[in-house]
N, C-alpha and C. Protein backbone atom coordinates (compact mmCIF):
# COMPACT_ATOMS: atom_id res chain seq x y z
N MET A 1 -2.69 -12.31 52.27
CA MET A 1 -2.77 -13.65 53.06
C MET A 1 -1.79 -14.44 52.99
N VAL A 2 -1.17 -14.90 52.06
CA VAL A 2 -0.59 -15.82 52.27
C VAL A 2 0.81 -15.50 52.47
N VAL A 3 1.57 -13.87 52.69
CA VAL A 3 2.41 -13.71 52.95
C VAL A 3 2.18 -13.84 54.23
N SER A 4 1.06 -13.45 55.41
CA SER A 4 1.47 -13.32 56.36
C SER A 4 1.40 -14.39 57.27
N ARG A 5 1.04 -15.56 56.52
CA ARG A 5 1.49 -17.31 56.94
C ARG A 5 2.70 -17.05 57.13
N GLY A 6 3.46 -16.68 56.00
CA GLY A 6 4.67 -17.09 55.56
C GLY A 6 5.72 -16.31 56.52
N VAL A 7 4.93 -15.11 56.93
CA VAL A 7 6.18 -14.63 58.23
C VAL A 7 5.36 -15.30 59.96
N VAL A 8 4.42 -15.73 60.01
CA VAL A 8 4.25 -16.38 61.07
C VAL A 8 5.26 -17.70 60.96
N LEU A 9 5.14 -18.59 59.72
CA LEU A 9 6.01 -19.82 59.96
C LEU A 9 7.70 -19.39 59.81
N ALA A 10 8.04 -18.18 59.42
CA ALA A 10 9.12 -17.56 59.55
C ALA A 10 9.45 -17.36 61.19
N SER A 11 8.63 -16.55 61.40
CA SER A 11 8.64 -16.50 63.11
C SER A 11 8.92 -17.35 64.24
N SER A 12 8.38 -18.71 63.70
CA SER A 12 8.48 -20.12 64.12
C SER A 12 10.21 -20.39 63.96
N PHE A 13 10.69 -20.41 62.81
CA PHE A 13 12.24 -20.88 62.79
C PHE A 13 13.00 -19.88 63.35
N ILE A 14 12.68 -18.52 64.07
CA ILE A 14 13.63 -18.04 64.34
C ILE A 14 13.21 -18.16 65.50
N LEU A 15 12.11 -18.52 66.20
CA LEU A 15 11.68 -18.66 67.70
C LEU A 15 12.75 -20.22 67.90
N LEU A 16 12.83 -21.08 67.15
CA LEU A 16 13.44 -22.33 67.35
C LEU A 16 14.74 -22.10 67.59
N TYR A 17 15.77 -20.88 66.68
CA TYR A 17 16.92 -20.81 66.29
C TYR A 17 16.99 -19.92 67.67
N PHE A 18 16.61 -19.37 68.39
CA PHE A 18 16.94 -18.28 69.93
C PHE A 18 16.34 -19.79 70.91
N ILE A 19 15.66 -20.47 70.76
CA ILE A 19 15.60 -21.35 72.06
C ILE A 19 16.20 -22.46 72.19
N GLY A 20 16.48 -23.23 70.86
CA GLY A 20 18.01 -24.36 71.06
C GLY A 20 18.59 -23.81 71.56
N GLU A 21 19.02 -25.05 72.24
CA GLU A 21 21.14 -24.38 72.61
C GLU A 21 21.64 -25.21 71.78
N VAL A 22 21.26 -26.33 70.88
CA VAL A 22 22.50 -26.58 69.88
C VAL A 22 21.55 -26.01 68.56
N ASN A 23 22.41 -25.65 67.93
CA ASN A 23 21.90 -24.69 66.51
C ASN A 23 21.65 -25.92 65.20
N LYS A 24 20.28 -26.27 65.71
CA LYS A 24 20.07 -27.66 64.32
C LYS A 24 19.88 -26.85 63.05
N LEU A 25 18.97 -25.57 63.12
CA LEU A 25 19.19 -25.16 61.79
C LEU A 25 19.83 -24.63 60.46
N SER A 26 20.34 -25.11 59.86
CA SER A 26 21.59 -24.43 58.93
C SER A 26 20.71 -23.58 57.87
N VAL A 27 21.50 -22.47 57.89
CA VAL A 27 20.94 -21.65 56.90
C VAL A 27 21.17 -21.93 55.38
N LYS A 28 22.37 -22.40 54.96
CA LYS A 28 22.97 -23.46 53.89
C LYS A 28 21.53 -24.15 53.38
N LEU A 29 21.08 -25.25 54.27
CA LEU A 29 20.08 -25.57 54.16
C LEU A 29 18.63 -24.96 53.68
N ILE A 30 18.43 -24.04 54.47
CA ILE A 30 16.92 -23.30 54.49
C ILE A 30 17.28 -22.69 52.89
N ILE A 31 18.37 -22.37 52.41
CA ILE A 31 18.46 -21.19 51.37
C ILE A 31 18.55 -22.48 49.93
N ARG A 32 18.82 -23.37 50.69
CA ARG A 32 18.73 -24.70 49.35
C ARG A 32 17.41 -25.08 49.26
N ILE A 33 16.54 -25.06 50.51
CA ILE A 33 15.05 -25.27 49.93
C ILE A 33 14.46 -24.18 49.53
N GLU A 34 14.62 -23.53 49.50
CA GLU A 34 13.95 -22.12 49.50
C GLU A 34 14.08 -21.97 47.73
N LYS A 35 15.53 -22.65 46.94
CA LYS A 35 16.04 -22.16 45.95
C LYS A 35 15.02 -23.65 45.23
N VAL A 36 14.67 -24.56 45.76
CA VAL A 36 13.90 -25.91 45.10
C VAL A 36 12.53 -25.45 45.21
N LEU A 37 12.15 -24.82 46.25
CA LEU A 37 10.93 -24.19 46.02
C LEU A 37 10.40 -23.55 44.61
N PHE A 38 11.51 -22.72 44.68
CA PHE A 38 11.29 -21.50 43.40
C PHE A 38 11.00 -22.38 42.66
N LEU A 39 11.86 -23.48 42.08
CA LEU A 39 11.82 -24.08 40.53
C LEU A 39 10.46 -25.01 40.73
N ILE A 40 9.94 -25.26 41.51
CA ILE A 40 8.53 -25.98 41.90
C ILE A 40 7.94 -25.00 41.53
N LEU A 41 7.69 -23.83 41.93
CA LEU A 41 6.75 -22.76 41.56
C LEU A 41 6.44 -22.35 40.17
N VAL A 42 8.03 -22.22 39.22
CA VAL A 42 8.15 -21.97 38.15
C VAL A 42 7.11 -23.23 37.46
N ILE A 43 7.90 -24.13 37.84
CA ILE A 43 7.06 -25.62 36.96
C ILE A 43 6.11 -25.66 37.33
N VAL A 44 5.16 -25.32 38.34
CA VAL A 44 3.43 -25.38 38.20
C VAL A 44 2.93 -24.17 37.52
N ALA A 45 3.76 -23.12 37.60
CA ALA A 45 3.00 -22.00 37.00
C ALA A 45 3.34 -22.48 35.50
N PHE A 46 4.27 -23.15 35.02
CA PHE A 46 4.62 -23.71 33.66
C PHE A 46 3.27 -24.44 33.06
N LEU A 47 3.03 -25.34 33.92
CA LEU A 47 2.03 -26.13 33.61
C LEU A 47 0.67 -25.94 33.80
N SER A 48 0.33 -24.35 34.32
CA SER A 48 -1.15 -23.93 34.42
C SER A 48 -1.05 -23.29 33.30
N ARG A 49 0.04 -22.49 32.36
CA ARG A 49 -0.35 -21.94 31.23
C ARG A 49 -0.63 -23.36 30.05
N ALA A 50 0.10 -24.35 30.51
CA ALA A 50 -0.58 -25.53 29.54
C ALA A 50 -1.81 -26.26 29.85
N GLU A 51 -2.51 -25.38 30.15
CA GLU A 51 -3.71 -25.87 30.63
C GLU A 51 -4.12 -27.25 31.82
N THR A 52 -3.08 -27.52 32.38
CA THR A 52 -3.07 -28.87 33.29
C THR A 52 -4.21 -28.68 34.09
N PHE A 53 -4.03 -27.76 34.51
CA PHE A 53 -4.86 -27.34 36.33
C PHE A 53 -6.22 -26.70 35.62
N ASN A 54 -6.40 -26.35 34.42
CA ASN A 54 -7.63 -25.88 34.19
C ASN A 54 -8.79 -26.59 34.88
N ALA A 55 -8.60 -27.64 35.12
CA ALA A 55 -10.17 -28.16 35.80
C ALA A 55 -9.89 -28.31 37.03
N HIS A 56 -8.69 -28.02 37.81
CA HIS A 56 -8.62 -27.88 39.28
C HIS A 56 -8.19 -27.15 39.63
N GLN A 57 -8.47 -25.71 39.22
CA GLN A 57 -8.44 -24.22 39.56
C GLN A 57 -8.34 -24.13 40.99
N ILE A 58 -9.32 -25.11 42.02
CA ILE A 58 -8.75 -24.53 43.67
C ILE A 58 -7.90 -25.26 44.28
N SER A 59 -7.51 -26.11 43.17
CA SER A 59 -6.22 -27.07 43.96
C SER A 59 -5.04 -26.36 43.15
N TYR A 60 -5.08 -25.76 42.31
CA TYR A 60 -3.93 -24.93 41.71
C TYR A 60 -3.70 -24.24 42.66
N LEU A 61 -4.70 -23.39 42.80
CA LEU A 61 -4.44 -22.08 43.91
C LEU A 61 -3.96 -22.21 45.12
N VAL A 62 -4.61 -23.35 45.99
CA VAL A 62 -4.00 -23.78 46.76
C VAL A 62 -2.71 -24.25 46.96
N LEU A 63 -2.09 -24.94 45.67
CA LEU A 63 -0.62 -25.34 45.72
C LEU A 63 0.05 -24.06 45.70
N MET A 64 0.01 -23.11 45.04
CA MET A 64 0.39 -22.02 44.95
C MET A 64 0.81 -21.38 45.84
N ASN A 65 -0.66 -20.96 46.62
CA ASN A 65 -0.43 -20.25 48.03
C ASN A 65 0.50 -21.01 49.30
N THR A 66 0.47 -22.29 48.73
CA THR A 66 0.98 -23.12 49.97
C THR A 66 2.60 -22.96 49.60
N ILE A 67 3.20 -22.96 48.43
CA ILE A 67 4.33 -23.01 48.07
C ILE A 67 4.97 -21.73 48.15
N ILE A 68 4.36 -20.51 48.40
CA ILE A 68 4.32 -18.84 48.05
C ILE A 68 5.20 -18.76 49.44
N GLY A 69 3.76 -19.31 50.55
CA GLY A 69 3.84 -19.14 51.75
C GLY A 69 5.37 -20.13 52.21
N MET A 70 5.62 -20.79 52.12
CA MET A 70 6.28 -21.86 52.27
C MET A 70 7.97 -21.49 51.90
N LYS A 71 7.73 -20.53 50.59
CA LYS A 71 9.06 -19.72 50.19
C LYS A 71 9.24 -18.09 50.87
N VAL A 72 8.41 -18.03 51.50
CA VAL A 72 8.32 -16.45 52.05
C VAL A 72 8.94 -17.12 53.32
N ALA A 73 8.30 -17.62 53.95
CA ALA A 73 8.97 -18.41 55.58
C ALA A 73 9.92 -18.50 55.36
N LEU A 74 10.49 -19.61 54.52
CA LEU A 74 12.11 -19.92 54.45
C LEU A 74 13.31 -18.54 54.26
N GLY A 75 12.73 -17.97 52.98
CA GLY A 75 13.56 -16.77 52.51
C GLY A 75 13.55 -15.50 53.82
N ILE A 76 12.41 -15.15 54.59
CA ILE A 76 12.36 -14.57 56.01
C ILE A 76 13.08 -14.94 57.00
N GLY A 77 13.08 -16.24 57.03
CA GLY A 77 13.90 -17.02 58.15
C GLY A 77 15.78 -17.04 58.01
N ALA A 78 15.59 -17.25 56.67
CA ALA A 78 17.02 -17.25 56.42
C ALA A 78 17.66 -15.84 56.89
N ILE A 79 17.06 -14.47 56.33
CA ILE A 79 17.78 -13.35 56.35
C ILE A 79 18.07 -13.03 57.58
N ILE A 80 17.01 -13.21 58.42
CA ILE A 80 16.89 -13.14 60.21
C ILE A 80 18.13 -13.95 60.63
N MET A 81 18.68 -15.21 60.15
CA MET A 81 19.31 -15.77 60.74
C MET A 81 20.92 -15.57 60.27
N ILE A 82 20.99 -15.36 59.40
CA ILE A 82 22.08 -14.60 58.85
C ILE A 82 22.58 -13.71 59.23
N PHE A 83 21.14 -12.46 59.64
CA PHE A 83 21.57 -11.33 60.50
C PHE A 83 22.14 -11.73 61.90
N ILE A 84 21.42 -12.94 62.28
CA ILE A 84 21.99 -13.16 63.72
C ILE A 84 23.24 -13.54 63.94
N GLU A 85 23.25 -14.81 62.70
CA GLU A 85 25.08 -15.30 62.95
C GLU A 85 26.32 -14.49 62.64
N GLU A 86 25.86 -13.06 62.35
CA GLU A 86 27.08 -12.06 61.80
C GLU A 86 27.07 -11.16 63.18
N GLY A 87 25.61 -11.31 63.80
CA GLY A 87 26.12 -10.12 65.35
C GLY A 87 25.35 -9.16 64.92
N ASN A 88 24.53 -8.96 64.03
CA ASN A 88 24.08 -7.64 63.49
C ASN A 88 22.41 -7.58 64.48
N VAL A 89 22.48 -8.81 64.98
CA VAL A 89 20.90 -8.36 65.36
C VAL A 89 21.23 -8.58 67.01
């Protein structure tokens, strides 16, 4: 379910890329944000092992699903935008 939400968000990035006359989306920025999200994902997963989120399992799951969905959206969007910039699509 999270992956499908990420793909929907990625398609919105791609539509903005196609529709906008001025390219406001930077692939480097998107990749940088995706790397930061990965670090946040690792930190949250490490904190869950330390039983920080033990009492708040629902909030932990929502947080992890949100981070994963955003990471999938940015990753797929970046891949498609790289193909578009190279002229392969």
